[in-house]
Amino acid sequence: TWIEAPFNENRAVWQHLMADGVWRIDYQ
C-alpha cells in the first residue's frame, strides 16, 4: 500500500493478489 504514491499524484494506492492470478489495484 502507498499513502502517497508518486505514480498516482501522491495519492493512495493498494495492490492485492486475488484468485485466478488477478490483482486488485485500488487508486485514490
mmCIF file of all heavy atoms, coordinates in Angstrom:
data_MODEL
# 
_entry.id   MODEL 
# 
loop_
_atom_site.group_PDB 
_atom_site.id 
_atom_site.type_symbol 
_atom_site.label_atom_id 
_atom_site.label_alt_id 
_atom_site.label_comp_id 
_atom_site.label_asym_id 
_atom_site.label_entity_id 
_atom_site.label_seq_id 
_atom_site.pdbx_PDB_ins_code 
_atom_site.Cartn_x 
_atom_site.Cartn_y 
_atom_site.Cartn_z 
_atom_site.occupancy 
_atom_site.B_iso_or_equiv 
_atom_site.pdbx_formal_charge 
_atom_site.auth_seq_id 
_atom_site.auth_comp_id 
_atom_site.auth_asym_id 
_atom_site.auth_atom_id 
_atom_site.pdbx_PDB_model_num 
ATOM 1   N N   . THR A 1 1  ? 0.855   -1.180  0.000   1.00 0.00 ? 1  THR A N   1 
ATOM 2   C CA  . THR A 1 1  ? 0.000   0.000   0.000   1.00 0.00 ? 1  THR A CA  1 
ATOM 3   C C   . THR A 1 1  ? 0.893   1.231   0.000   1.00 0.00 ? 1  THR A C   1 
ATOM 4   O O   . THR A 1 1  ? 2.008   1.208   0.521   1.00 0.00 ? 1  THR A O   1 
ATOM 5   C CB  . THR A 1 1  ? -0.937  0.045   1.221   1.00 0.00 ? 1  THR A CB  1 
ATOM 6   O OG1 . THR A 1 1  ? -0.143  0.129   2.422   1.00 0.00 ? 1  THR A OG1 1 
ATOM 7   C CG2 . THR A 1 1  ? -1.816  -1.177  1.296   1.00 0.00 ? 1  THR A CG2 1 
ATOM 8   N N   . TRP A 1 2  ? 0.395   2.260   -0.616  1.00 0.00 ? 2  TRP A N   1 
ATOM 9   C CA  . TRP A 1 2  ? 1.080   3.553   -0.607  1.00 0.00 ? 2  TRP A CA  1 
ATOM 10  C C   . TRP A 1 2  ? 0.131   4.595   -0.028  1.00 0.00 ? 2  TRP A C   1 
ATOM 11  O O   . TRP A 1 2  ? -1.029  4.698   -0.457  1.00 0.00 ? 2  TRP A O   1 
ATOM 12  C CB  . TRP A 1 2  ? 1.451   4.000   -2.023  1.00 0.00 ? 2  TRP A CB  1 
ATOM 13  C CG  . TRP A 1 2  ? 2.618   3.288   -2.640  1.00 0.00 ? 2  TRP A CG  1 
ATOM 14  C CD1 . TRP A 1 2  ? 3.916   3.698   -2.670  1.00 0.00 ? 2  TRP A CD1 1 
ATOM 15  C CD2 . TRP A 1 2  ? 2.589   2.033   -3.342  1.00 0.00 ? 2  TRP A CD2 1 
ATOM 16  N NE1 . TRP A 1 2  ? 4.702   2.788   -3.343  1.00 0.00 ? 2  TRP A NE1 1 
ATOM 17  C CE2 . TRP A 1 2  ? 3.909   1.750   -3.767  1.00 0.00 ? 2  TRP A CE2 1 
ATOM 18  C CE3 . TRP A 1 2  ? 1.569   1.125   -3.654  1.00 0.00 ? 2  TRP A CE3 1 
ATOM 19  C CZ2 . TRP A 1 2  ? 4.231   0.617   -4.486  1.00 0.00 ? 2  TRP A CZ2 1 
ATOM 20  C CZ3 . TRP A 1 2  ? 1.891   -0.014  -4.354  1.00 0.00 ? 2  TRP A CZ3 1 
ATOM 21  C CH2 . TRP A 1 2  ? 3.211   -0.270  -4.763  1.00 0.00 ? 2  TRP A CH2 1 
ATOM 22  N N   . ILE A 1 3  ? 0.602   5.378   0.929   1.00 0.00 ? 3  ILE A N   1 
ATOM 23  C CA  . ILE A 1 3  ? -0.163  6.522   1.380   1.00 0.00 ? 3  ILE A CA  1 
ATOM 24  C C   . ILE A 1 3  ? -0.024  7.644   0.366   1.00 0.00 ? 3  ILE A C   1 
ATOM 25  O O   . ILE A 1 3  ? -0.981  8.326   0.040   1.00 0.00 ? 3  ILE A O   1 
ATOM 26  C CB  . ILE A 1 3  ? 0.337   7.031   2.750   1.00 0.00 ? 3  ILE A CB  1 
ATOM 27  C CG1 . ILE A 1 3  ? 0.412   5.893   3.747   1.00 0.00 ? 3  ILE A CG1 1 
ATOM 28  C CG2 . ILE A 1 3  ? -0.594  8.122   3.282   1.00 0.00 ? 3  ILE A CG2 1 
ATOM 29  C CD1 . ILE A 1 3  ? 1.112   6.293   5.013   1.00 0.00 ? 3  ILE A CD1 1 
ATOM 30  N N   . GLU A 1 4  ? 1.194   7.796   -0.102  1.00 0.00 ? 4  GLU A N   1 
ATOM 31  C CA  . GLU A 1 4  ? 1.481   8.818   -1.108  1.00 0.00 ? 4  GLU A CA  1 
ATOM 32  C C   . GLU A 1 4  ? 2.268   8.138   -2.228  1.00 0.00 ? 4  GLU A C   1 
ATOM 33  O O   . GLU A 1 4  ? 3.456   7.846   -2.068  1.00 0.00 ? 4  GLU A O   1 
ATOM 34  C CB  . GLU A 1 4  ? 2.289   9.965   -0.509  1.00 0.00 ? 4  GLU A CB  1 
ATOM 35  C CG  . GLU A 1 4  ? 1.545   10.734  0.572   1.00 0.00 ? 4  GLU A CG  1 
ATOM 36  C CD  . GLU A 1 4  ? 2.419   11.793  1.240   1.00 0.00 ? 4  GLU A CD  1 
ATOM 37  O OE1 . GLU A 1 4  ? 3.664   11.713  1.094   1.00 0.00 ? 4  GLU A OE1 1 
ATOM 38  O OE2 . GLU A 1 4  ? 1.867   12.676  1.905   1.00 0.00 ? 4  GLU A OE2 1 
ATOM 39  N N   . ALA A 1 5  ? 1.590   7.837   -3.321  1.00 0.00 ? 5  ALA A N   1 
ATOM 40  C CA  . ALA A 1 5  ? 2.226   7.148   -4.442  1.00 0.00 ? 5  ALA A CA  1 
ATOM 41  C C   . ALA A 1 5  ? 2.648   8.173   -5.490  1.00 0.00 ? 5  ALA A C   1 
ATOM 42  O O   . ALA A 1 5  ? 1.789   8.859   -6.052  1.00 0.00 ? 5  ALA A O   1 
ATOM 43  C CB  . ALA A 1 5  ? 1.271   6.131   -5.058  1.00 0.00 ? 5  ALA A CB  1 
ATOM 44  N N   . PRO A 1 6  ? 3.946   8.292   -5.772  1.00 0.00 ? 6  PRO A N   1 
ATOM 45  C CA  . PRO A 1 6  ? 4.385   9.279   -6.763  1.00 0.00 ? 6  PRO A CA  1 
ATOM 46  C C   . PRO A 1 6  ? 3.813   9.024   -8.150  1.00 0.00 ? 6  PRO A C   1 
ATOM 47  O O   . PRO A 1 6  ? 3.681   9.959   -8.943  1.00 0.00 ? 6  PRO A O   1 
ATOM 48  C CB  . PRO A 1 6  ? 5.913   9.148   -6.737  1.00 0.00 ? 6  PRO A CB  1 
ATOM 49  C CG  . PRO A 1 6  ? 6.189   7.823   -6.117  1.00 0.00 ? 6  PRO A CG  1 
ATOM 50  C CD  . PRO A 1 6  ? 5.075   7.565   -5.175  1.00 0.00 ? 6  PRO A CD  1 
ATOM 51  N N   . PHE A 1 7  ? 3.450   7.785   -8.438  1.00 0.00 ? 7  PHE A N   1 
ATOM 52  C CA  . PHE A 1 7  ? 2.884   7.455   -9.747  1.00 0.00 ? 7  PHE A CA  1 
ATOM 53  C C   . PHE A 1 7  ? 1.371   7.680   -9.794  1.00 0.00 ? 7  PHE A C   1 
ATOM 54  O O   . PHE A 1 7  ? 0.734   7.422   -10.796 1.00 0.00 ? 7  PHE A O   1 
ATOM 55  C CB  . PHE A 1 7  ? 3.202   5.999   -10.110 1.00 0.00 ? 7  PHE A CB  1 
ATOM 56  C CG  . PHE A 1 7  ? 2.870   5.008   -9.015  1.00 0.00 ? 7  PHE A CG  1 
ATOM 57  C CD1 . PHE A 1 7  ? 1.581   4.522   -8.861  1.00 0.00 ? 7  PHE A CD1 1 
ATOM 58  C CD2 . PHE A 1 7  ? 3.848   4.578   -8.139  1.00 0.00 ? 7  PHE A CD2 1 
ATOM 59  C CE1 . PHE A 1 7  ? 1.279   3.637   -7.854  1.00 0.00 ? 7  PHE A CE1 1 
ATOM 60  C CE2 . PHE A 1 7  ? 3.555   3.678   -7.120  1.00 0.00 ? 7  PHE A CE2 1 
ATOM 61  C CZ  . PHE A 1 7  ? 2.265   3.204   -6.977  1.00 0.00 ? 7  PHE A CZ  1 
ATOM 62  N N   . ASN A 1 8  ? 0.782   8.168   -8.660  1.00 0.00 ? 8  ASN A N   1 
ATOM 63  C CA  . ASN A 1 8  ? -0.663  8.448   -8.618  1.00 0.00 ? 8  ASN A CA  1 
ATOM 64  C C   . ASN A 1 8  ? -0.907  9.830   -8.012  1.00 0.00 ? 8  ASN A C   1 
ATOM 65  O O   . ASN A 1 8  ? -1.794  9.998   -7.182  1.00 0.00 ? 8  ASN A O   1 
ATOM 66  C CB  . ASN A 1 8  ? -1.398  7.361   -7.816  1.00 0.00 ? 8  ASN A CB  1 
ATOM 67  C CG  . ASN A 1 8  ? -2.913  7.462   -7.932  1.00 0.00 ? 8  ASN A CG  1 
ATOM 68  O OD1 . ASN A 1 8  ? -3.445  7.709   -9.008  1.00 0.00 ? 8  ASN A OD1 1 
ATOM 69  N ND2 . ASN A 1 8  ? -3.609  7.282   -6.819  1.00 0.00 ? 8  ASN A ND2 1 
ATOM 70  N N   . GLU A 1 9  ? -0.104  10.793  -8.443  1.00 0.00 ? 9  GLU A N   1 
ATOM 71  C CA  . GLU A 1 9  ? -0.252  12.176  -7.984  1.00 0.00 ? 9  GLU A CA  1 
ATOM 72  C C   . GLU A 1 9  ? -0.204  12.272  -6.471  1.00 0.00 ? 9  GLU A C   1 
ATOM 73  O O   . GLU A 1 9  ? -0.926  13.050  -5.849  1.00 0.00 ? 9  GLU A O   1 
ATOM 74  C CB  . GLU A 1 9  ? -1.558  12.781  -8.526  1.00 0.00 ? 9  GLU A CB  1 
ATOM 75  C CG  . GLU A 1 9  ? -1.623  12.802  -10.050 1.00 0.00 ? 9  GLU A CG  1 
ATOM 76  C CD  . GLU A 1 9  ? -2.957  13.323  -10.567 1.00 0.00 ? 9  GLU A CD  1 
ATOM 77  O OE1 . GLU A 1 9  ? -3.993  13.061  -9.909  1.00 0.00 ? 9  GLU A OE1 1 
ATOM 78  O OE2 . GLU A 1 9  ? -2.955  13.988  -11.605 1.00 0.00 ? 9  GLU A OE2 1 
ATOM 79  N N   . ASN A 1 10 ? 0.649   11.427  -5.848  1.00 0.00 ? 10 ASN A N   1 
ATOM 80  C CA  . ASN A 1 10 ? 0.837   11.390  -4.398  1.00 0.00 ? 10 ASN A CA  1 
ATOM 81  C C   . ASN A 1 10 ? -0.440  11.060  -3.635  1.00 0.00 ? 10 ASN A C   1 
ATOM 82  O O   . ASN A 1 10 ? -0.611  11.440  -2.483  1.00 0.00 ? 10 ASN A O   1 
ATOM 83  C CB  . ASN A 1 10 ? 1.437   12.699  -3.880  1.00 0.00 ? 10 ASN A CB  1 
ATOM 84  C CG  . ASN A 1 10 ? 2.944   12.717  -4.026  1.00 0.00 ? 10 ASN A CG  1 
ATOM 85  O OD1 . ASN A 1 10 ? 3.589   11.666  -4.116  1.00 0.00 ? 10 ASN A OD1 1 
ATOM 86  N ND2 . ASN A 1 10 ? 3.522   13.903  -4.064  1.00 0.00 ? 10 ASN A ND2 1 
ATOM 87  N N   . ARG A 1 11 ? -1.309  10.304  -4.296  1.00 0.00 ? 11 ARG A N   1 
ATOM 88  C CA  . ARG A 1 11 ? -2.486  9.783   -3.614  1.00 0.00 ? 11 ARG A CA  1 
ATOM 89  C C   . ARG A 1 11 ? -2.282  8.300   -3.315  1.00 0.00 ? 11 ARG A C   1 
ATOM 90  O O   . ARG A 1 11 ? -1.360  7.665   -3.813  1.00 0.00 ? 11 ARG A O   1 
ATOM 91  C CB  . ARG A 1 11 ? -3.742  10.009  -4.454  1.00 0.00 ? 11 ARG A CB  1 
ATOM 92  C CG  . ARG A 1 11 ? -4.084  11.484  -4.629  1.00 0.00 ? 11 ARG A CG  1 
ATOM 93  C CD  . ARG A 1 11 ? -5.452  11.667  -5.273  1.00 0.00 ? 11 ARG A CD  1 
ATOM 94  N NE  . ARG A 1 11 ? -5.789  13.091  -5.347  1.00 0.00 ? 11 ARG A NE  1 
ATOM 95  C CZ  . ARG A 1 11 ? -5.508  13.867  -6.371  1.00 0.00 ? 11 ARG A CZ  1 
ATOM 96  N NH1 . ARG A 1 11 ? -4.899  13.358  -7.444  1.00 0.00 ? 11 ARG A NH1 1 
ATOM 97  N NH2 . ARG A 1 11 ? -5.827  15.147  -6.340  1.00 0.00 ? 11 ARG A NH2 1 
ATOM 98  N N   . ALA A 1 12 ? -3.194  7.728   -2.538  1.00 0.00 ? 12 ALA A N   1 
ATOM 99  C CA  . ALA A 1 12 ? -3.024  6.367   -2.042  1.00 0.00 ? 12 ALA A CA  1 
ATOM 100 C C   . ALA A 1 12 ? -3.259  5.325   -3.131  1.00 0.00 ? 12 ALA A C   1 
ATOM 101 O O   . ALA A 1 12 ? -4.018  5.554   -4.083  1.00 0.00 ? 12 ALA A O   1 
ATOM 102 C CB  . ALA A 1 12 ? -3.972  6.116   -0.874  1.00 0.00 ? 12 ALA A CB  1 
ATOM 103 N N   . VAL A 1 13 ? -2.615  4.166   -2.960  1.00 0.00 ? 13 VAL A N   1 
ATOM 104 C CA  . VAL A 1 13 ? -2.761  3.025   -3.872  1.00 0.00 ? 13 VAL A CA  1 
ATOM 105 C C   . VAL A 1 13 ? -2.671  1.739   -3.047  1.00 0.00 ? 13 VAL A C   1 
ATOM 106 O O   . VAL A 1 13 ? -1.873  1.639   -2.120  1.00 0.00 ? 13 VAL A O   1 
ATOM 107 C CB  . VAL A 1 13 ? -1.672  3.018   -4.973  1.00 0.00 ? 13 VAL A CB  1 
ATOM 108 C CG1 . VAL A 1 13 ? -1.756  1.736   -5.808  1.00 0.00 ? 13 VAL A CG1 1 
ATOM 109 C CG2 . VAL A 1 13 ? -1.794  4.243   -5.873  1.00 0.00 ? 13 VAL A CG2 1 
ATOM 110 N N   . TRP A 1 14 ? -3.526  0.772   -3.387  1.00 0.00 ? 14 TRP A N   1 
ATOM 111 C CA  . TRP A 1 14 ? -3.487  -0.566  -2.794  1.00 0.00 ? 14 TRP A CA  1 
ATOM 112 C C   . TRP A 1 14 ? -3.243  -1.582  -3.913  1.00 0.00 ? 14 TRP A C   1 
ATOM 113 O O   . TRP A 1 14 ? -3.798  -1.425  -5.009  1.00 0.00 ? 14 TRP A O   1 
ATOM 114 C CB  . TRP A 1 14 ? -4.825  -0.925  -2.154  1.00 0.00 ? 14 TRP A CB  1 
ATOM 115 C CG  . TRP A 1 14 ? -4.966  -0.580  -0.715  1.00 0.00 ? 14 TRP A CG  1 
ATOM 116 C CD1 . TRP A 1 14 ? -5.070  -1.433  0.335   1.00 0.00 ? 14 TRP A CD1 1 
ATOM 117 C CD2 . TRP A 1 14 ? -5.059  0.734   -0.155  1.00 0.00 ? 14 TRP A CD2 1 
ATOM 118 N NE1 . TRP A 1 14 ? -5.215  -0.734  1.512   1.00 0.00 ? 14 TRP A NE1 1 
ATOM 119 C CE2 . TRP A 1 14 ? -5.200  0.595   1.241   1.00 0.00 ? 14 TRP A CE2 1 
ATOM 120 C CE3 . TRP A 1 14 ? -5.004  2.030   -0.688  1.00 0.00 ? 14 TRP A CE3 1 
ATOM 121 C CZ2 . TRP A 1 14 ? -5.300  1.677   2.102   1.00 0.00 ? 14 TRP A CZ2 1 
ATOM 122 C CZ3 . TRP A 1 14 ? -5.104  3.111   0.164   1.00 0.00 ? 14 TRP A CZ3 1 
ATOM 123 C CH2 . TRP A 1 14 ? -5.249  2.926   1.541   1.00 0.00 ? 14 TRP A CH2 1 
ATOM 124 N N   . GLN A 1 15 ? -2.476  -2.636  -3.624  1.00 0.00 ? 15 GLN A N   1 
ATOM 125 C CA  . GLN A 1 15 ? -2.396  -3.740  -4.581  1.00 0.00 ? 15 GLN A CA  1 
ATOM 126 C C   . GLN A 1 15 ? -2.498  -5.060  -3.835  1.00 0.00 ? 15 GLN A C   1 
ATOM 127 O O   . GLN A 1 15 ? -1.794  -5.309  -2.876  1.00 0.00 ? 15 GLN A O   1 
ATOM 128 C CB  . GLN A 1 15 ? -1.129  -3.666  -5.432  1.00 0.00 ? 15 GLN A CB  1 
ATOM 129 C CG  . GLN A 1 15 ? 0.177   -3.816  -4.686  1.00 0.00 ? 15 GLN A CG  1 
ATOM 130 C CD  . GLN A 1 15 ? 1.390   -3.693  -5.605  1.00 0.00 ? 15 GLN A CD  1 
ATOM 131 O OE1 . GLN A 1 15 ? 1.409   -2.879  -6.526  1.00 0.00 ? 15 GLN A OE1 1 
ATOM 132 N NE2 . GLN A 1 15 ? 2.408   -4.505  -5.353  1.00 0.00 ? 15 GLN A NE2 1 
ATOM 133 N N   . HIS A 1 16 ? -3.441  -5.909  -4.258  1.00 0.00 ? 16 HIS A N   1 
ATOM 134 C CA  . HIS A 1 16 ? -3.725  -7.204  -3.638  1.00 0.00 ? 16 HIS A CA  1 
ATOM 135 C C   . HIS A 1 16 ? -3.820  -8.260  -4.724  1.00 0.00 ? 16 HIS A C   1 
ATOM 136 O O   . HIS A 1 16 ? -4.447  -8.031  -5.761  1.00 0.00 ? 16 HIS A O   1 
ATOM 137 C CB  . HIS A 1 16 ? -5.097  -7.187  -2.932  1.00 0.00 ? 16 HIS A CB  1 
ATOM 138 C CG  . HIS A 1 16 ? -5.125  -6.517  -1.610  1.00 0.00 ? 16 HIS A CG  1 
ATOM 139 N ND1 . HIS A 1 16 ? -4.985  -7.204  -0.438  1.00 0.00 ? 16 HIS A ND1 1 
ATOM 140 C CD2 . HIS A 1 16 ? -5.309  -5.224  -1.270  1.00 0.00 ? 16 HIS A CD2 1 
ATOM 141 C CE1 . HIS A 1 16 ? -5.088  -6.357  0.583   1.00 0.00 ? 16 HIS A CE1 1 
ATOM 142 N NE2 . HIS A 1 16 ? -5.287  -5.152  0.104   1.00 0.00 ? 16 HIS A NE2 1 
ATOM 143 N N   . LEU A 1 17 ? -3.269  -9.433  -4.470  1.00 0.00 ? 17 LEU A N   1 
ATOM 144 C CA  . LEU A 1 17 ? -3.467  -10.581 -5.348  1.00 0.00 ? 17 LEU A CA  1 
ATOM 145 C C   . LEU A 1 17 ? -4.698  -11.349 -4.903  1.00 0.00 ? 17 LEU A C   1 
ATOM 146 O O   . LEU A 1 17 ? -4.881  -11.635 -3.715  1.00 0.00 ? 17 LEU A O   1 
ATOM 147 C CB  . LEU A 1 17 ? -2.242  -11.489 -5.325  1.00 0.00 ? 17 LEU A CB  1 
ATOM 148 C CG  . LEU A 1 17 ? -2.329  -12.765 -6.180  1.00 0.00 ? 17 LEU A CG  1 
ATOM 149 C CD1 . LEU A 1 17 ? -2.505  -12.434 -7.655  1.00 0.00 ? 17 LEU A CD1 1 
ATOM 150 C CD2 . LEU A 1 17 ? -1.091  -13.636 -5.962  1.00 0.00 ? 17 LEU A CD2 1 
ATOM 151 N N   . MET A 1 18 ? -5.557  -11.714 -5.881  1.00 0.00 ? 18 MET A N   1 
ATOM 152 C CA  . MET A 1 18 ? -6.763  -12.489 -5.590  1.00 0.00 ? 18 MET A CA  1 
ATOM 153 C C   . MET A 1 18 ? -6.662  -13.857 -6.280  1.00 0.00 ? 18 MET A C   1 
ATOM 154 O O   . MET A 1 18 ? -5.583  -14.285 -6.677  1.00 0.00 ? 18 MET A O   1 
ATOM 155 C CB  . MET A 1 18 ? -7.998  -11.734 -6.096  1.00 0.00 ? 18 MET A CB  1 
ATOM 156 C CG  . MET A 1 18 ? -8.145  -10.337 -5.558  1.00 0.00 ? 18 MET A CG  1 
ATOM 157 S SD  . MET A 1 18 ? -9.656  -9.524  -6.145  1.00 0.00 ? 18 MET A SD  1 
ATOM 158 C CE  . MET A 1 18 ? -9.288  -9.265  -7.870  1.00 0.00 ? 18 MET A CE  1 
ATOM 159 N N   . ALA A 1 19 ? -7.774  -14.534 -6.419  1.00 0.00 ? 19 ALA A N   1 
ATOM 160 C CA  . ALA A 1 19 ? -7.806  -15.818 -7.120  1.00 0.00 ? 19 ALA A CA  1 
ATOM 161 C C   . ALA A 1 19 ? -7.633  -15.602 -8.618  1.00 0.00 ? 19 ALA A C   1 
ATOM 162 O O   . ALA A 1 19 ? -7.802  -14.500 -9.142  1.00 0.00 ? 19 ALA A O   1 
ATOM 163 C CB  . ALA A 1 19 ? -9.125  -16.533 -6.840  1.00 0.00 ? 19 ALA A CB  1 
ATOM 164 N N   . ASP A 1 20 ? -7.293  -16.675 -9.320  1.00 0.00 ? 20 ASP A N   1 
ATOM 165 C CA  . ASP A 1 20 ? -7.158  -16.693 -10.781 1.00 0.00 ? 20 ASP A CA  1 
ATOM 166 C C   . ASP A 1 20 ? -6.014  -15.811 -11.277 1.00 0.00 ? 20 ASP A C   1 
ATOM 167 O O   . ASP A 1 20 ? -5.996  -15.395 -12.430 1.00 0.00 ? 20 ASP A O   1 
ATOM 168 C CB  . ASP A 1 20 ? -8.463  -16.255 -11.476 1.00 0.00 ? 20 ASP A CB  1 
ATOM 169 C CG  . ASP A 1 20 ? -9.659  -17.082 -11.054 1.00 0.00 ? 20 ASP A CG  1 
ATOM 170 O OD1 . ASP A 1 20 ? -9.482  -18.304 -10.891 1.00 0.00 ? 20 ASP A OD1 1 
ATOM 171 O OD2 . ASP A 1 20 ? -10.748 -16.516 -10.883 1.00 0.00 ? 20 ASP A OD2 1 
ATOM 172 N N   . GLY A 1 21 ? -5.045  -15.486 -10.385 1.00 0.00 ? 21 GLY A N   1 
ATOM 173 C CA  . GLY A 1 21 ? -3.940  -14.639 -10.806 1.00 0.00 ? 21 GLY A CA  1 
ATOM 174 C C   . GLY A 1 21 ? -4.345  -13.210 -11.087 1.00 0.00 ? 21 GLY A C   1 
ATOM 175 O O   . GLY A 1 21 ? -3.628  -12.481 -11.783 1.00 0.00 ? 21 GLY A O   1 
ATOM 176 N N   . VAL A 1 22 ? -5.491  -12.766 -10.560 1.00 0.00 ? 22 VAL A N   1 
ATOM 177 C CA  . VAL A 1 22 ? -5.984  -11.404 -10.780 1.00 0.00 ? 22 VAL A CA  1 
ATOM 178 C C   . VAL A 1 22 ? -5.541  -10.518 -9.617  1.00 0.00 ? 22 VAL A C   1 
ATOM 179 O O   . VAL A 1 22 ? -5.708  -10.877 -8.455  1.00 0.00 ? 22 VAL A O   1 
ATOM 180 C CB  . VAL A 1 22 ? -7.518  -11.385 -10.915 1.00 0.00 ? 22 VAL A CB  1 
ATOM 181 C CG1 . VAL A 1 22 ? -8.021  -9.956  -11.054 1.00 0.00 ? 22 VAL A CG1 1 
ATOM 182 C CG2 . VAL A 1 22 ? -7.957  -12.222 -12.112 1.00 0.00 ? 22 VAL A CG2 1 
ATOM 183 N N   . TRP A 1 23 ? -4.975  -9.370  -9.958  1.00 0.00 ? 23 TRP A N   1 
ATOM 184 C CA  . TRP A 1 23 ? -4.592  -8.380  -8.956  1.00 0.00 ? 23 TRP A CA  1 
ATOM 185 C C   . TRP A 1 23 ? -5.655  -7.294  -8.876  1.00 0.00 ? 23 TRP A C   1 
ATOM 186 O O   . TRP A 1 23 ? -6.132  -6.806  -9.893  1.00 0.00 ? 23 TRP A O   1 
ATOM 187 C CB  . TRP A 1 23 ? -3.248  -7.738  -9.303  1.00 0.00 ? 23 TRP A CB  1 
ATOM 188 C CG  . TRP A 1 23 ? -2.074  -8.629  -9.023  1.00 0.00 ? 23 TRP A CG  1 
ATOM 189 C CD1 . TRP A 1 23 ? -1.604  -9.629  -9.815  1.00 0.00 ? 23 TRP A CD1 1 
ATOM 190 C CD2 . TRP A 1 23 ? -1.230  -8.593  -7.869  1.00 0.00 ? 23 TRP A CD2 1 
ATOM 191 N NE1 . TRP A 1 23 ? -0.522  -10.233 -9.228  1.00 0.00 ? 23 TRP A NE1 1 
ATOM 192 C CE2 . TRP A 1 23 ? -0.258  -9.614  -8.034  1.00 0.00 ? 23 TRP A CE2 1 
ATOM 193 C CE3 . TRP A 1 23 ? -1.187  -7.804  -6.726  1.00 0.00 ? 23 TRP A CE3 1 
ATOM 194 C CZ2 . TRP A 1 23 ? 0.728   -9.851  -7.085  1.00 0.00 ? 23 TRP A CZ2 1 
ATOM 195 C CZ3 . TRP A 1 23 ? -0.193  -8.044  -5.773  1.00 0.00 ? 23 TRP A CZ3 1 
ATOM 196 C CH2 . TRP A 1 23 ? 0.747   -9.060  -5.958  1.00 0.00 ? 23 TRP A CH2 1 
ATOM 197 N N   . ARG A 1 24 ? -5.997  -6.914  -7.657  1.00 0.00 ? 24 ARG A N   1 
ATOM 198 C CA  . ARG A 1 24 ? -6.870  -5.767  -7.421  1.00 0.00 ? 24 ARG A CA  1 
ATOM 199 C C   . ARG A 1 24 ? -5.959  -4.575  -7.138  1.00 0.00 ? 24 ARG A C   1 
ATOM 200 O O   . ARG A 1 24 ? -5.194  -4.566  -6.171  1.00 0.00 ? 24 ARG A O   1 
ATOM 201 C CB  . ARG A 1 24 ? -7.782  -6.045  -6.222  1.00 0.00 ? 24 ARG A CB  1 
ATOM 202 C CG  . ARG A 1 24 ? -8.321  -4.811  -5.499  1.00 0.00 ? 24 ARG A CG  1 
ATOM 203 C CD  . ARG A 1 24 ? -9.489  -4.169  -6.197  1.00 0.00 ? 24 ARG A CD  1 
ATOM 204 N NE  . ARG A 1 24 ? -10.645 -5.026  -6.225  1.00 0.00 ? 24 ARG A NE  1 
ATOM 205 C CZ  . ARG A 1 24 ? -11.535 -5.116  -5.213  1.00 0.00 ? 24 ARG A CZ  1 
ATOM 206 N NH1 . ARG A 1 24 ? -11.381 -4.416  -4.111  1.00 0.00 ? 24 ARG A NH1 1 
ATOM 207 N NH2 . ARG A 1 24 ? -12.572 -5.907  -5.334  1.00 0.00 ? 24 ARG A NH2 1 
ATOM 208 N N   . ILE A 1 25 ? -6.044  -3.555  -7.978  1.00 0.00 ? 25 ILE A N   1 
ATOM 209 C CA  . ILE A 1 25 ? -5.301  -2.318  -7.762  1.00 0.00 ? 25 ILE A CA  1 
ATOM 210 C C   . ILE A 1 25 ? -6.322  -1.217  -7.484  1.00 0.00 ? 25 ILE A C   1 
ATOM 211 O O   . ILE A 1 25 ? -7.178  -0.940  -8.325  1.00 0.00 ? 25 ILE A O   1 
ATOM 212 C CB  . ILE A 1 25 ? -4.434  -1.924  -8.980  1.00 0.00 ? 25 ILE A CB  1 
ATOM 213 C CG1 . ILE A 1 25 ? -3.702  -3.139  -9.564  1.00 0.00 ? 25 ILE A CG1 1 
ATOM 214 C CG2 . ILE A 1 25 ? -3.470  -0.813  -8.595  1.00 0.00 ? 25 ILE A CG2 1 
ATOM 215 C CD1 . ILE A 1 25 ? -2.589  -3.684  -8.736  1.00 0.00 ? 25 ILE A CD1 1 
ATOM 216 N N   . ASP A 1 26 ? -6.265  -0.618  -6.312  1.00 0.00 ? 26 ASP A N   1 
ATOM 217 C CA  . ASP A 1 26 ? -7.163  0.474   -5.931  1.00 0.00 ? 26 ASP A CA  1 
ATOM 218 C C   . ASP A 1 26 ? -6.389  1.788   -5.987  1.00 0.00 ? 26 ASP A C   1 
ATOM 219 O O   . ASP A 1 26 ? -5.361  1.930   -5.311  1.00 0.00 ? 26 ASP A O   1 
ATOM 220 C CB  . ASP A 1 26 ? -7.683  0.282   -4.501  1.00 0.00 ? 26 ASP A CB  1 
ATOM 221 C CG  . ASP A 1 26 ? -8.664  -0.852  -4.371  1.00 0.00 ? 26 ASP A CG  1 
ATOM 222 O OD1 . ASP A 1 26 ? -8.301  -1.997  -4.675  1.00 0.00 ? 26 ASP A OD1 1 
ATOM 223 O OD2 . ASP A 1 26 ? -9.786  -0.595  -3.936  1.00 0.00 ? 26 ASP A OD2 1 
ATOM 224 N N   . TYR A 1 27 ? -6.879  2.719   -6.773  1.00 0.00 ? 27 TYR A N   1 
ATOM 225 C CA  . TYR A 1 27 ? -6.244  4.031   -6.898  1.00 0.00 ? 27 TYR A CA  1 
ATOM 226 C C   . TYR A 1 27 ? -7.148  5.092   -6.285  1.00 0.00 ? 27 TYR A C   1 
ATOM 227 O O   . TYR A 1 27 ? -8.321  5.220   -6.663  1.00 0.00 ? 27 TYR A O   1 
ATOM 228 C CB  . TYR A 1 27 ? -6.004  4.378   -8.367  1.00 0.00 ? 27 TYR A CB  1 
ATOM 229 C CG  . TYR A 1 27 ? -5.008  3.487   -9.079  1.00 0.00 ? 27 TYR A CG  1 
ATOM 230 C CD1 . TYR A 1 27 ? -5.442  2.440   -9.888  1.00 0.00 ? 27 TYR A CD1 1 
ATOM 231 C CD2 . TYR A 1 27 ? -3.635  3.706   -8.959  1.00 0.00 ? 27 TYR A CD2 1 
ATOM 232 C CE1 . TYR A 1 27 ? -4.546  1.633   -10.557 1.00 0.00 ? 27 TYR A CE1 1 
ATOM 233 C CE2 . TYR A 1 27 ? -2.725  2.910   -9.630  1.00 0.00 ? 27 TYR A CE2 1 
ATOM 234 C CZ  . TYR A 1 27 ? -3.178  1.868   -10.423 1.00 0.00 ? 27 TYR A CZ  1 
ATOM 235 O OH  . TYR A 1 27 ? -2.277  1.059   -11.090 1.00 0.00 ? 27 TYR A OH  1 
ATOM 236 N N   . GLN A 1 28 ? -6.597  5.875   -5.375  1.00 0.00 ? 28 GLN A N   1 
ATOM 237 C CA  . GLN A 1 28 ? -7.334  7.018   -4.850  1.00 0.00 ? 28 GLN A CA  1 
ATOM 238 C C   . GLN A 1 28 ? -7.332  8.131   -5.900  1.00 0.00 ? 28 GLN A C   1 
ATOM 239 O O   . GLN A 1 28 ? -6.298  8.454   -6.479  1.00 0.00 ? 28 GLN A O   1 
ATOM 240 C CB  . GLN A 1 28 ? -6.685  7.515   -3.560  1.00 0.00 ? 28 GLN A CB  1 
ATOM 241 C CG  . GLN A 1 28 ? -7.494  8.567   -2.820  1.00 0.00 ? 28 GLN A CG  1 
ATOM 242 C CD  . GLN A 1 28 ? -6.790  9.029   -1.552  1.00 0.00 ? 28 GLN A CD  1 
ATOM 243 O OE1 . GLN A 1 28 ? -5.562  9.142   -1.525  1.00 0.00 ? 28 GLN A OE1 1 
ATOM 244 N NE2 . GLN A 1 28 ? -7.562  9.278   -0.502  1.00 0.00 ? 28 GLN A NE2 1 
# 
